[in-house]
Amino acid sequence: MTAMRDDEFFRIFLVLGFIILLPFALYYRLKSRASKEKLDRRAEGLFILLTLRPVALARMLGVVAFVLAVTA
C-alpha cells in the first residue's frame, strides 16, 4: 500500500470542503432570491468591483484547476 501524497490529500480536502459548504451557499442564495430584494452591486464601491471580485474569481479558478489537474 502506498502512502497518499500531500497534493492528493489536499485535493480531497478541497472537494469535501466544497461539498460540505455548497448546501449552505445554495440555501442562502435561494433565500435571498425569494425576498425579491434588488441588490445594488455599485453600493459595494469601485474598489470591491475592480479589485476584490476579479482576484477572488482568479483564485477560485486556480483552486478548481488544481483539483482537476491530472498528475503523473
N, C-alpha and C. Protein backbone atom coordinates (compact mmCIF):
# COMPACT_ATOMS: atom_id res chain seq x y z
N MET A 1 0.85 -1.18 0.00
CA MET A 1 0.00 0.00 0.00
C MET A 1 0.89 1.23 0.00
N THR A 2 0.59 2.20 -0.88
CA THR A 2 1.40 3.41 -0.95
C THR A 2 0.75 4.51 -0.14
N ALA A 3 1.59 5.37 0.39
CA ALA A 3 1.09 6.49 1.18
C ALA A 3 0.47 7.53 0.25
N MET A 4 -0.55 8.20 0.74
CA MET A 4 -1.20 9.24 -0.05
C MET A 4 -0.30 10.48 -0.08
N ARG A 5 -0.08 11.00 -1.26
CA ARG A 5 0.73 12.20 -1.40
C ARG A 5 -0.02 13.39 -0.85
N ASP A 6 0.75 14.42 -0.46
CA ASP A 6 0.14 15.61 0.12
C ASP A 6 -0.83 16.29 -0.84
N ASP A 7 -0.48 16.36 -2.13
CA ASP A 7 -1.37 17.03 -3.06
C ASP A 7 -2.67 16.26 -3.25
N GLU A 8 -2.64 14.94 -3.17
CA GLU A 8 -3.87 14.16 -3.27
C GLU A 8 -4.76 14.41 -2.06
N PHE A 9 -4.15 14.46 -0.88
CA PHE A 9 -4.91 14.75 0.33
C PHE A 9 -5.54 16.13 0.24
N PHE A 10 -4.78 17.11 -0.25
CA PHE A 10 -5.28 18.47 -0.36
C PHE A 10 -6.42 18.55 -1.36
N ARG A 11 -6.32 17.83 -2.47
CA ARG A 11 -7.41 17.81 -3.45
C ARG A 11 -8.69 17.25 -2.82
N ILE A 12 -8.55 16.14 -2.11
CA ILE A 12 -9.71 15.53 -1.44
C ILE A 12 -10.29 16.50 -0.41
N PHE A 13 -9.43 17.16 0.35
CA PHE A 13 -9.86 18.13 1.35
C PHE A 13 -10.63 19.27 0.70
N LEU A 14 -10.15 19.79 -0.42
CA LEU A 14 -10.84 20.88 -1.11
C LEU A 14 -12.20 20.44 -1.65
N VAL A 15 -12.25 19.26 -2.24
CA VAL A 15 -13.52 18.77 -2.78
C VAL A 15 -14.52 18.53 -1.67
N LEU A 16 -14.11 17.92 -0.58
CA LEU A 16 -15.01 17.69 0.55
C LEU A 16 -15.49 19.00 1.15
N GLY A 17 -14.60 19.96 1.28
CA GLY A 17 -14.99 21.27 1.79
C GLY A 17 -16.04 21.92 0.91
N PHE A 18 -15.85 21.83 -0.40
CA PHE A 18 -16.82 22.38 -1.34
C PHE A 18 -18.17 21.68 -1.20
N ILE A 19 -18.14 20.35 -1.11
CA ILE A 19 -19.38 19.58 -0.98
C ILE A 19 -20.11 19.92 0.31
N ILE A 20 -19.37 20.14 1.38
CA ILE A 20 -19.99 20.46 2.67
C ILE A 20 -20.58 21.87 2.65
N LEU A 21 -19.89 22.83 2.03
CA LEU A 21 -20.35 24.22 2.05
C LEU A 21 -21.41 24.53 1.00
N LEU A 22 -21.47 23.76 -0.06
CA LEU A 22 -22.40 24.03 -1.14
C LEU A 22 -23.87 24.11 -0.70
N PRO A 23 -24.37 23.19 0.11
CA PRO A 23 -25.78 23.29 0.53
C PRO A 23 -26.08 24.59 1.29
N PHE A 24 -25.15 25.05 2.10
CA PHE A 24 -25.37 26.30 2.83
C PHE A 24 -25.42 27.48 1.87
N ALA A 25 -24.49 27.51 0.92
CA ALA A 25 -24.46 28.59 -0.07
C ALA A 25 -25.75 28.60 -0.90
N LEU A 26 -26.18 27.43 -1.32
CA LEU A 26 -27.42 27.35 -2.11
C LEU A 26 -28.63 27.79 -1.30
N TYR A 27 -28.68 27.38 -0.04
CA TYR A 27 -29.81 27.76 0.82
C TYR A 27 -29.92 29.28 0.92
N TYR A 28 -28.82 29.94 1.23
CA TYR A 28 -28.87 31.39 1.40
C TYR A 28 -29.05 32.11 0.07
N ARG A 29 -28.54 31.56 -1.02
CA ARG A 29 -28.76 32.17 -2.33
C ARG A 29 -30.24 32.10 -2.69
N LEU A 30 -30.87 30.95 -2.48
CA LEU A 30 -32.30 30.81 -2.77
C LEU A 30 -33.14 31.67 -1.84
N LYS A 31 -32.74 31.76 -0.59
CA LYS A 31 -33.47 32.58 0.37
C LYS A 31 -33.42 34.06 -0.03
N SER A 32 -32.26 34.51 -0.51
CA SER A 32 -32.16 35.91 -0.92
C SER A 32 -32.97 36.18 -2.18
N ARG A 33 -33.05 35.21 -3.08
CA ARG A 33 -33.87 35.39 -4.28
C ARG A 33 -35.35 35.43 -3.93
N ALA A 34 -35.75 34.67 -2.94
CA ALA A 34 -37.16 34.63 -2.55
C ALA A 34 -37.62 35.96 -1.98
N SER A 35 -36.69 36.73 -1.41
CA SER A 35 -37.07 38.01 -0.82
C SER A 35 -37.36 39.05 -1.89
N LYS A 36 -36.92 38.82 -3.13
CA LYS A 36 -37.12 39.72 -4.26
C LYS A 36 -36.50 41.10 -4.03
N GLU A 37 -35.60 41.20 -3.08
CA GLU A 37 -34.92 42.47 -2.82
C GLU A 37 -33.83 42.66 -3.87
N LYS A 38 -33.84 43.83 -4.50
CA LYS A 38 -32.86 44.12 -5.52
C LYS A 38 -31.54 44.50 -4.86
N LEU A 39 -30.45 43.84 -5.30
CA LEU A 39 -29.13 44.14 -4.76
C LEU A 39 -28.41 45.11 -5.68
N ASP A 40 -27.92 46.19 -5.11
CA ASP A 40 -27.18 47.18 -5.88
C ASP A 40 -25.69 46.92 -5.69
N ARG A 41 -25.07 46.31 -6.70
CA ARG A 41 -23.65 45.96 -6.61
C ARG A 41 -22.77 47.21 -6.57
N ARG A 42 -23.25 48.32 -7.12
CA ARG A 42 -22.46 49.56 -7.10
C ARG A 42 -22.32 50.10 -5.69
N ALA A 43 -23.20 49.71 -4.79
CA ALA A 43 -23.13 50.20 -3.41
C ALA A 43 -21.91 49.63 -2.69
N GLU A 44 -21.35 48.53 -3.21
CA GLU A 44 -20.16 47.95 -2.60
C GLU A 44 -18.94 48.83 -2.80
N GLY A 45 -18.97 49.65 -3.83
CA GLY A 45 -17.86 50.54 -4.09
C GLY A 45 -17.01 50.08 -5.25
N LEU A 46 -16.31 51.03 -5.84
CA LEU A 46 -15.48 50.76 -7.01
C LEU A 46 -14.31 49.83 -6.68
N PHE A 47 -13.74 49.97 -5.48
CA PHE A 47 -12.61 49.12 -5.09
C PHE A 47 -12.99 47.65 -5.11
N ILE A 48 -14.12 47.33 -4.53
CA ILE A 48 -14.58 45.93 -4.50
C ILE A 48 -14.84 45.44 -5.91
N LEU A 49 -15.50 46.26 -6.70
CA LEU A 49 -15.86 45.86 -8.06
C LEU A 49 -14.65 45.59 -8.93
N LEU A 50 -13.63 46.44 -8.86
CA LEU A 50 -12.49 46.35 -9.77
C LEU A 50 -11.32 45.53 -9.25
N THR A 51 -11.29 45.24 -7.96
CA THR A 51 -10.13 44.51 -7.43
C THR A 51 -10.50 43.20 -6.75
N LEU A 52 -11.27 43.26 -5.72
CA LEU A 52 -11.51 42.05 -4.93
C LEU A 52 -12.30 40.99 -5.67
N ARG A 53 -13.28 41.38 -6.43
CA ARG A 53 -14.08 40.38 -7.18
C ARG A 53 -13.24 39.66 -8.22
N PRO A 54 -12.47 40.37 -9.08
CA PRO A 54 -11.62 39.65 -10.05
C PRO A 54 -10.55 38.79 -9.38
N VAL A 55 -9.98 39.25 -8.29
CA VAL A 55 -8.97 38.46 -7.58
C VAL A 55 -9.60 37.20 -7.01
N ALA A 56 -10.78 37.32 -6.44
CA ALA A 56 -11.48 36.15 -5.90
C ALA A 56 -11.82 35.16 -7.01
N LEU A 57 -12.24 35.66 -8.16
CA LEU A 57 -12.55 34.79 -9.28
C LEU A 57 -11.30 34.06 -9.76
N ALA A 58 -10.19 34.77 -9.90
CA ALA A 58 -8.94 34.14 -10.34
C ALA A 58 -8.48 33.09 -9.34
N ARG A 59 -8.62 33.39 -8.08
CA ARG A 59 -8.21 32.45 -7.04
C ARG A 59 -9.07 31.18 -7.08
N MET A 60 -10.37 31.36 -7.24
CA MET A 60 -11.26 30.20 -7.29
C MET A 60 -10.97 29.36 -8.53
N LEU A 61 -10.71 30.00 -9.67
CA LEU A 61 -10.37 29.25 -10.87
C LEU A 61 -9.07 28.49 -10.68
N GLY A 62 -8.12 29.07 -9.96
CA GLY A 62 -6.87 28.37 -9.66
C GLY A 62 -7.10 27.14 -8.81
N VAL A 63 -7.97 27.24 -7.83
CA VAL A 63 -8.28 26.09 -6.98
C VAL A 63 -8.95 24.99 -7.81
N VAL A 64 -9.90 25.38 -8.65
CA VAL A 64 -10.57 24.40 -9.50
C VAL A 64 -9.57 23.73 -10.44
N ALA A 65 -8.67 24.52 -11.02
CA ALA A 65 -7.65 23.96 -11.92
C ALA A 65 -6.75 22.98 -11.17
N PHE A 66 -6.39 23.31 -9.93
CA PHE A 66 -5.55 22.43 -9.13
C PHE A 66 -6.26 21.12 -8.84
N VAL A 67 -7.53 21.19 -8.46
CA VAL A 67 -8.28 19.99 -8.12
C VAL A 67 -8.46 19.10 -9.35
N LEU A 68 -8.66 19.70 -10.51
CA LEU A 68 -8.92 18.91 -11.71
C LEU A 68 -7.65 18.48 -12.43
N ALA A 69 -6.50 19.02 -12.05
CA ALA A 69 -5.26 18.71 -12.75
C ALA A 69 -4.91 17.23 -12.59
N VAL A 70 -4.46 16.66 -13.67
CA VAL A 70 -4.04 15.26 -13.67
C VAL A 70 -2.53 15.25 -13.45
N THR A 71 -2.10 14.56 -12.40
CA THR A 71 -0.68 14.49 -12.11
C THR A 71 -0.12 13.16 -12.59
N ALA A 72 1.12 13.22 -12.98
CA ALA A 72 1.79 12.00 -13.48
C ALA A 72 2.36 11.20 -12.34
